Protein backbone atom coordinates (compact mmCIF):
# COMPACT_ATOMS: atom_id res chain seq x y z
CA MET A 1 -0.05 -0.02 0.09
CA GLY A 2 1.29 3.55 -0.86
CA THR A 3 1.71 6.15 1.74
CA ALA A 4 -0.39 9.25 1.62
CA ARG A 5 1.41 12.37 0.47
CA PRO A 6 0.31 15.84 1.75
CA ASP A 7 0.74 17.23 -1.81
CA VAL A 8 -1.61 14.66 -3.44
CA PRO A 9 -5.20 14.69 -2.66
CA ALA A 10 -6.63 11.48 -1.25
CA GLU A 11 -9.44 9.88 -2.93
CA GLY A 12 -11.73 10.94 -0.08
CA ASP A 13 -11.08 14.61 -0.51
CA GLN A 14 -14.16 15.21 -2.73
CA PRO A 15 -15.99 16.89 0.15
CA ARG A 16 -13.15 19.22 0.53
CA GLU A 17 -13.05 19.91 -3.17
CA GLU A 18 -16.85 20.82 -3.00
CA GLU A 19 -16.09 23.07 0.06
CA PHE A 20 -13.26 24.69 -1.79
CA LEU A 21 -15.40 25.36 -4.89
CA ALA A 22 -18.42 26.62 -2.94
CA GLU A 23 -16.20 29.10 -1.13
CA LEU A 24 -14.50 30.15 -4.28
CA THR A 25 -17.96 30.67 -5.84
CA ALA A 26 -19.01 32.70 -2.89
CA PHE A 27 -16.07 34.98 -3.65
CA GLY A 28 -17.44 35.70 -6.98
CA GLY A 29 -15.47 32.81 -8.77
CA SER A 30 -12.01 34.05 -8.02
CA ALA A 31 -10.04 34.68 -4.85
CA GLY A 32 -6.31 35.02 -3.68
CA ASN A 33 -4.87 31.80 -2.24
CA THR A 34 -4.11 33.27 1.19
CA VAL A 35 -7.65 34.87 1.70
CA LEU A 36 -9.40 31.70 0.44
CA ARG A 37 -7.41 29.37 2.64
CA GLN A 38 -7.98 31.55 5.67
CA LYS A 39 -11.65 31.76 4.98
CA LEU A 40 -11.61 27.90 4.75
CA GLY A 41 -9.71 27.68 7.99
CA TRP A 42 -7.40 24.82 6.52
CA GLU A 43 -3.78 24.05 7.18
CA GLU A 44 -1.55 25.15 4.12
CA SER A 45 -0.74 21.68 3.31
CA ALA A 46 -4.48 20.48 3.07
CA TYR A 47 -5.21 23.67 1.03
CA GLU A 48 -2.40 22.97 -1.35
CA ALA A 49 -3.30 19.35 -1.86
CA VAL A 50 -7.10 20.30 -2.69
CA ASN A 51 -5.88 23.17 -4.87
CA ALA A 52 -3.53 20.85 -6.76
CA GLY A 53 -6.43 18.35 -7.44
CA LEU A 54 -8.65 20.86 -8.67
CA LEU A 55 -6.05 22.41 -10.90
CA GLY A 56 -5.06 18.86 -12.26
CA SER A 57 -8.74 18.26 -13.15
CA SER A 58 -9.13 21.53 -14.74
CA ARG A 59 -11.93 22.69 -12.39
CA ILE A 60 -9.99 25.89 -11.40
CA LYS A 61 -7.20 27.78 -12.98
CA THR A 62 -4.35 30.00 -11.55
CA GLY A 63 -4.29 33.66 -11.68
CA ARG A 64 -1.98 36.55 -10.70
CA GLY A 65 -1.77 38.31 -7.33
CA ARG A 66 0.38 38.50 -4.35
CA GLY A 67 0.40 34.82 -2.90
CA GLY A 68 -1.30 33.72 -6.21
CA SER A 69 -4.79 33.50 -6.98
CA VAL A 70 -7.43 30.85 -8.31
CA SER A 71 -10.54 31.23 -10.30
CA LEU A 72 -13.33 28.82 -11.60
CA ASN A 73 -12.71 27.66 -15.17
CA ALA A 74 -15.63 28.61 -17.54
CA ALA A 75 -17.32 25.18 -17.28
CA GLU A 76 -17.27 25.07 -13.60
CA ALA A 77 -18.43 28.76 -13.20
CA GLY A 78 -21.49 27.82 -15.53
CA ALA A 79 -22.17 24.60 -13.44
CA GLY A 80 -23.14 26.62 -10.39
């Protein structure tokens, strides 16, 4: 069996992914990473793991800004 890595989302992270997307939607579809992580109340490693999974599945995209930012991709924004 493999060991869980903090930088790779676990298969059971779907509830966290949905929470991430819901909060991002509440911010109008885009937010800075630091502000979003603080709003979610997650440790940085948990945030980064979920963020990486959503980026990998193209549900969000990166943006600019101090500390970086993320936004919903067009398909995800239209799904809400």
